[in-house]
Amino acid sequence: MLDNAPLEKARHIQAQRRLRDEILGAELFGDPGWDLMLDLYIAQASGKRVSVTSAAIGSGKPMSTGLRWVKLLIEHGLIIREADPHDGRRSYLHLTDSALDALEEFLARC
């Protein structure tokens, strides 16, 4: 049986961040890199693929900011961009093994 605890913790953290933004305003707080990584973790753990566009939107910031963060996370070896073999206009993102391990360690310790 799969341990869903890390996935549920990630979903809870994501929901708390959205609630904070709703109540206090997203313009005062933000961590697009963390939001992107949480979103990718939840998607991967749920067996879903995330396009670059969806990930940038999921950062909770303007598209240009989200795309800058995608690029930065790729440069730091935390996420990988892979072309869609069926549609050359689309690419998908996923966490690297080391980023996945780090997030799972974080979730296990929180």
Foldseek 3Di string as FASTA:
>chain_A
DDDCQLLVLLVVVLVVVVVCCVVVNVVVDFDLLVQLLSVQLNQVVVVHWAWLQRSLVSSVDPSVVSNVSVVVCVVVQQKDWAADPVDRVIITMHGDPVNNVVSSVVSVVD
